[in-house]
C-alpha cells in the first residue's frame, strides 16, 4: 500500500518549497487550531508543528505517544477523542 504513494512522496521530496508556508498569512488566523503529531514522527515534522504553533495565536498541540506521522491512522480512537475534546473546549 505504501508503494502506491511513492510517486507522491518523490514529488514532495523533490519540491524545494514543500515546507514553505506564509507565516504572516497564518498569523491572521485567530480561531483556535489543533495541531497533531506523533512522538515517533521525524524531527522535521516537529519543527514544522512548533513553527505553526508560534504563528497561530490560539494553537493547541497534541502529541500521540507511539504514533508516527499519521496518528489519525494508527491511533484513530485517541485521535477522535482529541478532536472531540478540542471542539468541546472551543464551542460556546
N, C-alpha and C. Protein backbone atom coordinates (compact mmCIF):
# COMPACT_ATOMS: atom_id res chain seq x y z
N UNK A 1 0.82 -1.19 0.00
CA UNK A 1 0.00 0.00 0.00
C UNK A 1 0.87 1.26 0.00
N UNK A 2 1.92 1.25 0.80
CA UNK A 2 2.79 2.43 0.86
C UNK A 2 3.42 2.70 -0.49
N UNK A 3 3.75 1.64 -1.22
CA UNK A 3 4.38 1.81 -2.53
C UNK A 3 3.50 2.59 -3.50
N UNK A 4 2.19 2.54 -3.29
CA UNK A 4 1.26 3.30 -4.14
C UNK A 4 1.50 4.80 -4.04
N UNK A 5 2.06 5.24 -2.90
CA UNK A 5 2.27 6.66 -2.67
C UNK A 5 3.69 7.11 -3.01
N UNK A 6 4.49 6.20 -3.51
CA UNK A 6 5.89 6.53 -3.82
C UNK A 6 6.03 7.71 -4.79
N UNK A 7 5.24 7.78 -5.88
CA UNK A 7 5.39 8.93 -6.78
C UNK A 7 5.08 10.26 -6.09
N UNK A 8 4.07 10.27 -5.23
CA UNK A 8 3.73 11.49 -4.49
C UNK A 8 4.86 11.88 -3.56
N UNK A 9 5.39 10.89 -2.84
CA UNK A 9 6.50 11.15 -1.92
C UNK A 9 7.70 11.70 -2.69
N UNK A 10 7.99 11.10 -3.82
CA UNK A 10 9.12 11.56 -4.64
C UNK A 10 8.90 12.99 -5.12
N UNK A 11 7.69 13.30 -5.56
CA UNK A 11 7.38 14.68 -5.98
C UNK A 11 7.60 15.65 -4.83
N UNK A 12 7.11 15.29 -3.64
CA UNK A 12 7.28 16.17 -2.47
C UNK A 12 8.75 16.31 -2.10
N UNK A 13 9.48 15.21 -2.15
CA UNK A 13 10.90 15.24 -1.78
C UNK A 13 11.70 16.11 -2.74
N UNK A 14 11.29 16.19 -3.98
CA UNK A 14 12.00 16.99 -4.98
C UNK A 14 11.53 18.44 -5.04
N UNK A 15 10.49 18.77 -4.31
CA UNK A 15 9.95 20.14 -4.31
C UNK A 15 10.65 20.94 -3.21
N UNK A 16 11.50 21.87 -3.61
CA UNK A 16 12.26 22.63 -2.61
C UNK A 16 11.38 23.54 -1.76
N UNK A 17 10.16 23.80 -2.20
CA UNK A 17 9.25 24.65 -1.44
C UNK A 17 8.17 23.86 -0.70
N UNK A 18 8.35 22.55 -0.58
CA UNK A 18 7.30 21.71 0.00
C UNK A 18 6.94 22.13 1.44
N UNK A 19 7.90 22.63 2.18
CA UNK A 19 7.63 23.03 3.56
C UNK A 19 7.58 24.55 3.74
N UNK A 20 7.45 25.25 2.64
CA UNK A 20 7.34 26.71 2.71
C UNK A 20 5.90 27.08 3.01
N UNK A 21 5.71 27.97 3.95
CA UNK A 21 4.37 28.48 4.21
C UNK A 21 4.47 29.93 4.62
N UNK A 22 3.39 30.63 4.44
CA UNK A 22 3.33 32.07 4.67
C UNK A 22 2.94 32.33 6.13
N UNK A 23 3.94 32.56 6.97
CA UNK A 23 3.67 32.76 8.40
C UNK A 23 2.82 33.99 8.66
N UNK A 24 2.98 35.04 7.87
CA UNK A 24 2.15 36.24 8.06
C UNK A 24 0.68 35.90 7.81
N UNK A 25 0.40 35.14 6.79
CA UNK A 25 -0.98 34.74 6.50
C UNK A 25 -1.51 33.85 7.62
N UNK A 26 -0.69 32.93 8.09
CA UNK A 26 -1.11 32.02 9.16
C UNK A 26 -1.37 32.79 10.44
N UNK A 27 -0.56 33.79 10.73
CA UNK A 27 -0.78 34.61 11.94
C UNK A 27 -2.14 35.30 11.93
N UNK A 28 -2.70 35.51 10.76
CA UNK A 28 -4.00 36.15 10.64
C UNK A 28 -5.17 35.25 11.03
N UNK A 29 -4.91 33.97 11.23
CA UNK A 29 -5.96 33.05 11.63
C UNK A 29 -6.11 33.13 13.15
N UNK A 30 -7.19 33.70 13.61
CA UNK A 30 -7.35 33.97 15.04
C UNK A 30 -8.18 32.93 15.78
N UNK A 31 -8.74 31.99 15.06
CA UNK A 31 -9.57 30.97 15.70
C UNK A 31 -8.69 29.91 16.36
N UNK A 32 -9.26 29.12 17.25
CA UNK A 32 -8.48 28.01 17.82
C UNK A 32 -8.06 27.02 16.74
N UNK A 33 -6.88 26.46 16.90
CA UNK A 33 -6.36 25.48 15.95
C UNK A 33 -5.77 24.30 16.72
N UNK A 34 -6.00 23.12 16.22
CA UNK A 34 -5.44 21.91 16.82
C UNK A 34 -4.37 21.37 15.89
N UNK A 35 -3.16 21.26 16.40
CA UNK A 35 -2.04 20.69 15.66
C UNK A 35 -1.71 19.34 16.28
N UNK A 36 -1.60 18.32 15.47
CA UNK A 36 -1.34 16.98 16.00
C UNK A 36 -0.07 16.40 15.39
N UNK A 37 0.54 15.52 16.18
CA UNK A 37 1.76 14.85 15.73
C UNK A 37 1.94 13.58 16.55
N UNK A 38 2.77 12.70 16.06
CA UNK A 38 3.15 11.52 16.82
C UNK A 38 4.52 11.74 17.43
N UNK A 39 4.76 11.11 18.57
CA UNK A 39 6.09 11.28 19.18
C UNK A 39 7.17 10.49 18.44
N UNK A 40 6.75 9.70 17.46
CA UNK A 40 7.70 8.95 16.62
C UNK A 40 7.85 9.59 15.23
N UNK A 41 7.24 10.75 15.04
CA UNK A 41 7.35 11.45 13.76
C UNK A 41 8.79 11.89 13.53
N UNK A 42 9.20 11.99 12.28
CA UNK A 42 10.54 12.53 12.01
C UNK A 42 10.68 13.93 12.60
N UNK A 43 11.85 14.27 13.10
CA UNK A 43 12.07 15.58 13.74
C UNK A 43 11.64 16.76 12.87
N UNK A 44 11.74 16.63 11.58
CA UNK A 44 11.33 17.71 10.67
C UNK A 44 9.89 18.12 10.92
N UNK A 45 9.02 17.14 11.14
CA UNK A 45 7.61 17.46 11.35
C UNK A 45 7.39 18.18 12.68
N UNK A 46 8.14 17.83 13.69
CA UNK A 46 8.05 18.53 14.97
C UNK A 46 8.45 19.99 14.80
N UNK A 47 9.47 20.24 14.01
CA UNK A 47 9.89 21.62 13.75
C UNK A 47 8.78 22.41 13.06
N UNK A 48 8.12 21.79 12.11
CA UNK A 48 7.02 22.46 11.41
C UNK A 48 5.88 22.75 12.37
N UNK A 49 5.50 21.76 13.19
CA UNK A 49 4.43 21.95 14.17
C UNK A 49 4.77 23.11 15.11
N UNK A 50 6.00 23.16 15.58
CA UNK A 50 6.41 24.22 16.51
C UNK A 50 6.36 25.59 15.84
N UNK A 51 6.77 25.68 14.59
CA UNK A 51 6.70 26.97 13.87
C UNK A 51 5.26 27.42 13.68
N UNK A 52 4.40 26.47 13.33
CA UNK A 52 2.98 26.80 13.18
C UNK A 52 2.38 27.24 14.51
N UNK A 53 2.73 26.56 15.58
CA UNK A 53 2.20 26.90 16.90
C UNK A 53 2.63 28.31 17.32
N UNK A 54 3.85 28.67 16.98
CA UNK A 54 4.33 30.03 17.29
C UNK A 54 3.54 31.07 16.51
N UNK A 55 3.15 30.74 15.30
CA UNK A 55 2.45 31.70 14.44
C UNK A 55 0.96 31.79 14.76
N UNK A 56 0.39 30.70 15.22
CA UNK A 56 -1.06 30.69 15.50
C UNK A 56 -1.32 31.16 16.92
N UNK A 57 -2.12 32.20 17.07
CA UNK A 57 -2.34 32.76 18.41
C UNK A 57 -3.10 31.84 19.36
N UNK A 58 -3.89 30.93 18.84
CA UNK A 58 -4.68 30.04 19.70
C UNK A 58 -4.50 28.58 19.30
N UNK A 59 -3.25 28.13 19.28
CA UNK A 59 -2.97 26.76 18.86
C UNK A 59 -2.78 25.84 20.05
N UNK A 60 -3.33 24.65 19.94
CA UNK A 60 -3.06 23.56 20.87
C UNK A 60 -2.28 22.50 20.10
N UNK A 61 -1.32 21.89 20.77
CA UNK A 61 -0.58 20.79 20.16
C UNK A 61 -0.91 19.52 20.93
N UNK A 62 -1.26 18.48 20.20
CA UNK A 62 -1.50 17.19 20.83
C UNK A 62 -0.52 16.20 20.21
N UNK A 63 0.31 15.60 21.07
CA UNK A 63 1.28 14.62 20.63
C UNK A 63 0.84 13.24 21.09
N UNK A 64 0.77 12.32 20.15
CA UNK A 64 0.30 10.97 20.44
C UNK A 64 1.49 10.04 20.66
N UNK A 65 1.54 9.43 21.85
CA UNK A 65 2.63 8.50 22.19
C UNK A 65 2.55 7.26 21.31
N UNK A 66 3.70 6.88 20.79
CA UNK A 66 3.80 5.68 19.98
C UNK A 66 3.34 5.86 18.54
N UNK A 67 2.97 7.08 18.19
CA UNK A 67 2.47 7.33 16.82
C UNK A 67 3.56 7.98 15.98
N UNK A 68 3.47 7.73 14.69
CA UNK A 68 4.37 8.37 13.74
C UNK A 68 3.68 9.57 13.11
N UNK A 69 3.92 9.76 11.83
CA UNK A 69 3.43 10.93 11.11
C UNK A 69 1.92 10.94 10.91
N UNK A 70 1.26 9.81 11.04
CA UNK A 70 -0.18 9.75 10.75
C UNK A 70 -0.95 9.18 11.95
N UNK A 71 -1.00 9.91 13.06
CA UNK A 71 -1.69 9.37 14.24
C UNK A 71 -3.18 9.12 14.01
N UNK A 72 -3.77 9.80 13.05
CA UNK A 72 -5.19 9.57 12.75
C UNK A 72 -5.40 8.18 12.16
N UNK A 73 -4.36 7.59 11.57
CA UNK A 73 -4.45 6.24 11.02
C UNK A 73 -4.06 5.17 12.04
N UNK A 74 -3.04 5.45 12.83
CA UNK A 74 -2.52 4.44 13.76
C UNK A 74 -3.20 4.47 15.12
N UNK A 75 -3.75 5.61 15.49
CA UNK A 75 -4.40 5.78 16.80
C UNK A 75 -5.77 6.45 16.62
N UNK A 76 -6.67 5.86 15.84
CA UNK A 76 -7.92 6.55 15.48
C UNK A 76 -8.81 6.89 16.68
N UNK A 77 -8.87 6.03 17.68
CA UNK A 77 -9.72 6.32 18.83
C UNK A 77 -9.18 7.51 19.62
N UNK A 78 -7.89 7.49 19.91
CA UNK A 78 -7.28 8.61 20.64
C UNK A 78 -7.37 9.89 19.84
N UNK A 79 -7.21 9.78 18.54
CA UNK A 79 -7.29 10.96 17.67
C UNK A 79 -8.69 11.55 17.70
N UNK A 80 -9.68 10.68 17.60
CA UNK A 80 -11.08 11.14 17.65
C UNK A 80 -11.39 11.79 19.00
N UNK A 81 -10.91 11.19 20.08
CA UNK A 81 -11.11 11.78 21.41
C UNK A 81 -10.45 13.15 21.51
N UNK A 82 -9.28 13.29 20.93
CA UNK A 82 -8.56 14.56 20.95
C UNK A 82 -9.35 15.65 20.22
N UNK A 83 -9.85 15.33 19.05
CA UNK A 83 -10.62 16.30 18.28
C UNK A 83 -11.92 16.65 18.99
N UNK A 84 -12.58 15.64 19.52
CA UNK A 84 -13.84 15.87 20.24
C UNK A 84 -13.61 16.78 21.44
N UNK A 85 -12.57 16.52 22.21
CA UNK A 85 -12.27 17.36 23.38
C UNK A 85 -11.94 18.79 22.95
N UNK A 86 -11.17 18.93 21.87
CA UNK A 86 -10.82 20.25 21.37
C UNK A 86 -12.07 21.03 20.96
N UNK A 87 -12.95 20.39 20.22
CA UNK A 87 -14.18 21.05 19.77
C UNK A 87 -15.04 21.44 20.97
N UNK A 88 -15.15 20.56 21.93
CA UNK A 88 -15.95 20.87 23.14
C UNK A 88 -15.38 22.06 23.90
N UNK A 89 -14.05 22.13 24.00
CA UNK A 89 -13.41 23.26 24.72
C UNK A 89 -13.65 24.59 24.01
N UNK A 90 -13.81 24.54 22.71
CA UNK A 90 -13.87 25.79 21.94
C UNK A 90 -15.23 26.07 21.33
N UNK A 91 -16.24 25.36 21.78
CA UNK A 91 -17.58 25.59 21.29
C UNK A 91 -18.40 26.25 22.39
N UNK A 92 -19.07 27.31 22.03
CA UNK A 92 -19.89 28.02 23.03
C UNK A 92 -21.34 27.66 22.89
